[in-house]
C-alpha atoms as a PDB file:
ATOM      1  CA  MET A   1       0.022   0.036  -0.007  1.00  0.00           C
ATOM      2  CA  THR A   2       1.147   3.495  -0.828  1.00  0.00           C
ATOM      3  CA  ALA A   3       1.243   5.973   2.042  1.00  0.00           C
ATOM      4  CA  PRO A   4       2.115   9.609   2.401  1.00  0.00           C
ATOM      5  CA  LEU A   5       5.590  10.589   3.622  1.00  0.00           C
ATOM      6  CA  VAL A   6       4.072  13.446   5.705  1.00  0.00           C
ATOM      7  CA  VAL A   7       0.456  14.367   6.604  1.00  0.00           C
ATOM      8  CA  LEU A   8      -0.074  17.863   7.956  1.00  0.00           C
ATOM      9  CA  VAL A   9      -2.966  18.608  10.160  1.00  0.00           C
ATOM     10  CA  GLY A  10      -3.942  21.877  12.010  1.00  0.00           C
ATOM     11  CA  PRO A  11      -6.437  24.682  12.104  1.00  0.00           C
ATOM     12  CA  PRO A  12      -7.021  27.302   9.329  1.00  0.00           C
ATOM     13  CA  GLY A  13      -3.958  29.553   9.069  1.00  0.00           C
ATOM     14  CA  SER A  14      -1.502  26.953  10.510  1.00  0.00           C
ATOM     15  CA  GLY A  15       0.372  26.890   7.137  1.00  0.00           C
ATOM     16  CA  LYS A  16      -0.573  23.418   5.974  1.00  0.00           C
ATOM     17  CA  SER A  17      -0.743  24.230   2.307  1.00  0.00           C
ATOM     18  CA  THR A  18       2.262  26.661   2.242  1.00  0.00           C
ATOM     19  CA  VAL A  19       4.507  24.346   4.369  1.00  0.00           C
ATOM     20  CA  GLY A  20       3.233  21.237   2.507  1.00  0.00           C
ATOM     21  CA  ARG A  21       4.352  22.718  -0.863  1.00  0.00           C
ATOM     22  CA  LEU A  22       7.765  23.576   0.517  1.00  0.00           C
ATOM     23  CA  LEU A  23       8.102  20.128   2.086  1.00  0.00           C
ATOM     24  CA  ALA A  24       7.132  18.409  -1.188  1.00  0.00           C
ATOM     25  CA  GLU A  25       9.662  20.492  -3.060  1.00  0.00           C
ATOM     26  CA  ARG A  26      12.456  19.689  -0.597  1.00  0.00           C
ATOM     27  CA  LEU A  27      11.646  16.032  -0.548  1.00  0.00           C
ATOM     28  CA  GLY A  28      11.246  15.758  -4.323  1.00  0.00           C
ATOM     29  CA  VAL A  29       7.588  14.371  -4.024  1.00  0.00           C
ATOM     30  CA  ALA A  30       4.126  15.643  -5.002  1.00  0.00           C
ATOM     31  CA  PHE A  31       1.883  17.762  -2.718  1.00  0.00           C
ATOM     32  CA  ARG A  32      -1.796  17.075  -2.317  1.00  0.00           C
ATOM     33  CA  ASP A  33      -4.490  18.925  -0.373  1.00  0.00           C
ATOM     34  CA  THR A  34      -7.736  17.094   0.463  1.00  0.00           C
ATOM     35  CA  ASP A  35      -9.694  20.344   0.399  1.00  0.00           C
ATOM     36  CA  ALA A  36      -8.680  20.646  -3.272  1.00  0.00           C
ATOM     37  CA  ASP A  37      -9.711  17.078  -3.869  1.00  0.00           C
ATOM     38  CA  ILE A  38     -13.096  17.712  -2.299  1.00  0.00           C
ATOM     39  CA  GLU A  39     -13.665  20.745  -4.585  1.00  0.00           C
ATOM     40  CA  GLN A  40     -12.758  18.721  -7.689  1.00  0.00           C
ATOM     41  CA  LEU A  41     -15.054  15.826  -6.586  1.00  0.00           C
ATOM     42  CA  ALA A  42     -17.973  18.209  -5.796  1.00  0.00           C
ATOM     43  CA  GLY A  43     -17.332  20.494  -8.717  1.00  0.00           C
ATOM     44  CA  LYS A  44     -17.599  23.570  -6.543  1.00  0.00           C
ATOM     45  CA  PRO A  45     -15.752  25.464  -3.868  1.00  0.00           C
ATOM     46  CA  ILE A  46     -16.054  24.359  -0.196  1.00  0.00           C
ATOM     47  CA  PRO A  47     -18.051  27.435   0.873  1.00  0.00           C
ATOM     48  CA  GLU A  48     -20.709  26.478  -1.772  1.00  0.00           C
ATOM     49  CA  ILE A  49     -20.779  22.858  -0.523  1.00  0.00           C
ATOM     50  CA  PHE A  50     -21.589  24.155   2.928  1.00  0.00           C
ATOM     51  CA  VAL A  51     -24.322  26.382   1.615  1.00  0.00           C
ATOM     52  CA  ASP A  52     -25.910  24.016  -0.827  1.00  0.00           C
ATOM     53  CA  GLU A  53     -25.580  20.660   0.877  1.00  0.00           C
ATOM     54  CA  GLY A  54     -24.522  21.415   4.453  1.00  0.00           C
ATOM     55  CA  GLU A  55     -21.695  20.543   6.698  1.00  0.00           C
ATOM     56  CA  PRO A  56     -22.636  16.801   7.166  1.00  0.00           C
ATOM     57  CA  HIS A  57     -22.357  16.292   3.414  1.00  0.00           C
ATOM     58  CA  PHE A  58     -19.082  18.099   3.271  1.00  0.00           C
ATOM     59  CA  ARG A  59     -17.739  15.965   6.134  1.00  0.00           C
ATOM     60  CA  GLU A  60     -18.761  12.781   4.220  1.00  0.00           C
ATOM     61  CA  LEU A  61     -16.838  13.982   1.168  1.00  0.00           C
ATOM     62  CA  GLU A  62     -13.897  14.833   3.452  1.00  0.00           C
ATOM     63  CA  VAL A  63     -13.666  11.288   4.763  1.00  0.00           C
ATOM     64  CA  ARG A  64     -13.784   9.894   1.287  1.00  0.00           C
ATOM     65  CA  ALA A  65     -11.099  12.282   0.148  1.00  0.00           C
ATOM     66  CA  VAL A  66      -8.753  11.495   3.101  1.00  0.00           C
ATOM     67  CA  ARG A  67      -9.257   7.797   2.653  1.00  0.00           C
ATOM     68  CA  GLU A  68      -8.431   8.022  -1.096  1.00  0.00           C
ATOM     69  CA  ALA A  69      -5.326  10.194  -0.575  1.00  0.00           C
ATOM     70  CA  ALA A  70      -3.964   8.321   2.397  1.00  0.00           C
ATOM     71  CA  GLY A  71      -4.091   5.024   0.382  1.00  0.00           C
ATOM     72  CA  THR A  72      -2.787   6.341  -2.897  1.00  0.00           C
ATOM     73  CA  HIS A  73      -0.550   9.409  -2.357  1.00  0.00           C
ATOM     74  CA  ASP A  74       3.106   8.887  -1.440  1.00  0.00           C
ATOM     75  CA  GLY A  75       4.114  12.563  -1.091  1.00  0.00           C
ATOM     76  CA  VAL A  76       3.031  15.341   1.306  1.00  0.00           C
ATOM     77  CA  LEU A  77      -0.631  15.401   2.254  1.00  0.00           C
ATOM     78  CA  ALA A  78      -2.431  18.442   3.815  1.00  0.00           C
ATOM     79  CA  LEU A  79      -5.843  17.862   5.463  1.00  0.00           C
ATOM     80  CA  GLY A  80      -8.579  20.310   5.919  1.00  0.00           C
ATOM     81  CA  GLY A  81      -8.732  21.809   9.385  1.00  0.00           C
ATOM     82  CA  GLY A  82     -11.755  19.732  10.539  1.00  0.00           C
ATOM     83  CA  ALA A  83     -10.778  16.427   8.985  1.00  0.00           C
ATOM     84  CA  VAL A  84      -9.771  15.015  12.362  1.00  0.00           C
ATOM     85  CA  MET A  85     -13.234  15.422  13.696  1.00  0.00           C
ATOM     86  CA  ALA A  86     -14.264  12.117  11.988  1.00  0.00           C
ATOM     87  CA  GLN A  87     -13.311   8.953  13.902  1.00  0.00           C
ATOM     88  CA  ALA A  88     -12.831   7.123  10.503  1.00  0.00           C
ATOM     89  CA  THR A  89     -10.200   9.709   9.545  1.00  0.00           C
ATOM     90  CA  ARG A  90      -8.362   9.478  12.935  1.00  0.00           C
ATOM     91  CA  THR A  91      -8.316   5.731  12.447  1.00  0.00           C
ATOM     92  CA  LEU A  92      -6.921   6.124   8.886  1.00  0.00           C
ATOM     93  CA  LEU A  93      -4.203   8.407  10.225  1.00  0.00           C
ATOM     94  CA  ALA A  94      -3.066   6.259  13.153  1.00  0.00           C
ATOM     95  CA  PRO A  95      -0.230   4.494  11.288  1.00  0.00           C
ATOM     96  CA  LEU A  96       0.851   7.543   9.331  1.00  0.00           C
ATOM     97  CA  PRO A  97       3.503  10.277   9.958  1.00  0.00           C
ATOM     98  CA  VAL A  98       1.213  13.092  11.058  1.00  0.00           C
ATOM     99  CA  VAL A  99       2.409  16.543  12.009  1.00  0.00           C
ATOM    100  CA  PHE A 100       0.161  18.854  13.941  1.00  0.00           C
ATOM    101  CA  LEU A 101       0.977  22.473  12.911  1.00  0.00           C
ATOM    102  CA  GLU A 102       0.102  24.458  16.001  1.00  0.00           C
ATOM    103  CA  VAL A 103      -0.660  28.198  15.586  1.00  0.00           C
ATOM    104  CA  ALA A 104      -1.636  30.980  17.802  1.00  0.00           C
ATOM    105  CA  LEU A 105      -4.858  32.887  17.069  1.00  0.00           C
ATOM    106  CA  GLY A 106      -2.934  36.093  16.188  1.00  0.00           C
ATOM    107  CA  ASP A 107      -0.748  34.283  13.676  1.00  0.00           C
ATOM    108  CA  ALA A 108      -3.724  32.525  12.140  1.00  0.00           C
ATOM    109  CA  VAL A 109      -5.489  35.772  11.706  1.00  0.00           C
ATOM    110  CA  LYS A 110      -2.555  37.421   9.974  1.00  0.00           C
ATOM    111  CA  ARG A 111      -2.153  34.419   7.621  1.00  0.00           C
ATOM    112  CA  VAL A 112      -5.785  33.869   6.556  1.00  0.00           C
ATOM    113  CA  GLY A 113      -7.367  37.168   7.450  1.00  0.00           C
ATOM    114  CA  LEU A 114     -10.843  37.106   8.994  1.00  0.00           C
ATOM    115  CA  ASP A 115     -12.644  37.823   5.716  1.00  0.00           C
ATOM    116  CA  ALA A 116     -11.387  34.802   3.920  1.00  0.00           C
ATOM    117  CA  PRO A 117     -14.149  32.514   2.424  1.00  0.00           C
ATOM    118  CA  ARG A 118     -14.082  29.933   5.364  1.00  0.00           C
ATOM    119  CA  PRO A 119     -17.630  28.745   6.212  1.00  0.00           C
ATOM    120  CA  LEU A 120     -17.012  27.814   9.780  1.00  0.00           C
ATOM    121  CA  LEU A 121     -15.393  31.203  10.547  1.00  0.00           C
ATOM    122  CA  ALA A 122     -18.061  33.388   8.875  1.00  0.00           C
ATOM    123  CA  VAL A 123     -19.730  34.710  12.058  1.00  0.00           C
ATOM    124  CA  ASN A 124     -17.500  36.170  14.859  1.00  0.00           C
ATOM    125  CA  PRO A 125     -14.399  34.557  13.465  1.00  0.00           C
ATOM    126  CA  ARG A 126     -12.095  35.111  16.447  1.00  0.00           C
ATOM    127  CA  ALA A 127     -14.517  33.479  18.963  1.00  0.00           C
ATOM    128  CA  ARG A 128     -15.364  30.679  16.487  1.00  0.00           C
ATOM    129  CA  TRP A 129     -11.689  29.939  15.860  1.00  0.00           C
ATOM    130  CA  ARG A 130     -11.143  29.610  19.664  1.00  0.00           C
ATOM    131  CA  GLU A 131     -14.149  27.272  19.858  1.00  0.00           C
ATOM    132  CA  LEU A 132     -12.987  25.179  16.909  1.00  0.00           C
ATOM    133  CA  MET A 133      -9.502  24.905  18.515  1.00  0.00           C
ATOM    134  CA  GLU A 134     -10.943  23.884  21.860  1.00  0.00           C
ATOM    135  CA  ALA A 135     -12.816  21.026  20.159  1.00  0.00           C
ATOM    136  CA  ARG A 136     -10.056  20.049  17.646  1.00  0.00           C
ATOM    137  CA  ARG A 137      -6.819  20.506  19.562  1.00  0.00           C
ATOM    138  CA  PRO A 138      -7.145  17.231  21.555  1.00  0.00           C
ATOM    139  CA  LEU A 139      -7.906  15.434  18.277  1.00  0.00           C
ATOM    140  CA  TYR A 140      -4.909  17.040  16.455  1.00  0.00           C
ATOM    141  CA  LEU A 141      -2.748  15.864  19.381  1.00  0.00           C
ATOM    142  CA  GLU A 142      -4.362  12.402  19.175  1.00  0.00           C
ATOM    143  CA  VAL A 143      -3.281  11.800  15.630  1.00  0.00           C
ATOM    144  CA  ALA A 144       0.024  13.522  15.775  1.00  0.00           C
ATOM    145  CA  THR A 145       3.315  11.826  15.522  1.00  0.00           C
ATOM    146  CA  ALA A 146       4.947  15.163  16.118  1.00  0.00           C
ATOM    147  CA  VAL A 147       3.836  18.715  17.064  1.00  0.00           C
ATOM    148  CA  VAL A 148       5.434  21.808  15.463  1.00  0.00           C
ATOM    149  CA  ASN A 149       4.728  25.208  16.910  1.00  0.00           C
ATOM    150  CA  THR A 150       4.545  27.776  14.002  1.00  0.00           C
ATOM    151  CA  GLU A 151       4.472  30.853  16.203  1.00  0.00           C
ATOM    152  CA  GLY A 152       6.769  33.583  14.822  1.00  0.00           C
ATOM    153  CA  CYS A 153       8.291  31.141  12.332  1.00  0.00           C
ATOM    154  CA  THR A 154       8.616  31.507   8.488  1.00  0.00           C
ATOM    155  CA  PRO A 155       7.241  28.728   6.385  1.00  0.00           C
ATOM    156  CA  GLU A 156      10.797  27.655   5.692  1.00  0.00           C
ATOM    157  CA  GLN A 157      11.553  27.343   9.444  1.00  0.00           C
ATOM    158  CA  VAL A 158       8.367  25.352   9.980  1.00  0.00           C
ATOM    159  CA  ALA A 159       9.325  23.008   7.068  1.00  0.00           C
ATOM    160  CA  ASP A 160      12.746  22.532   8.681  1.00  0.00           C
ATOM    161  CA  ALA A 161      11.117  21.677  11.964  1.00  0.00           C
ATOM    162  CA  VAL A 162       8.732  19.191  10.305  1.00  0.00           C
ATOM    163  CA  LEU A 163      11.619  17.450   8.550  1.00  0.00           C
ATOM    164  CA  GLU A 164      13.603  17.307  11.798  1.00  0.00           C
ATOM    165  CA  ALA A 165      10.690  16.038  13.832  1.00  0.00           C
ATOM    166  CA  LEU A 166      10.070  13.246  11.428  1.00  0.00           C
ATOM    167  CA  GLU A 167      13.769  12.634  10.852  1.00  0.00           C
ATOM    168  CA  LEU A 168      13.414  13.060   7.135  1.00  0.00           C
ATOM    169  CA  LYS A 169      16.324  14.009   4.860  1.00  0.00           C
ATOM    170  CA  ASN A 170      16.501  17.682   4.101  1.00  0.00           C
ATOM    171  CA  PRO A 171      18.328  17.919   0.840  1.00  0.00           C
END
């Protein structure tokens, strides 16, 4: 079975996509983002999926996307911020090298802004982000092989820390 070299999890603004692309480049492998897979599968952006079909439907698509990517992708894989909420996803992640990119609210806000099209952060984004983190942080920690704190770090520094934490070659 094929499996990812690195799986990145964390909240919106933690740098999963940016750091994931850097890691893939450094390791000479492909980068894949399950949010992009979901949009391709559904034929529309994630905010529209939430509006048209609702969050439960989106979460079903997310579990399918993670299952497919975890079993076929051998590069760097970034998961959507809420993917860890599903027990099925956490079970899939158990044997994989998962890194939780931890981020402070202030850094997340700087990175994604509070006006970005993120359906779960649409109303009172700061309070909602805190609520999401309270619910998700224990799950990020449950699936994580390693935790990398991104506070005050550049994407390059975070990529270095991920490679070091997983003891992967940094060419």
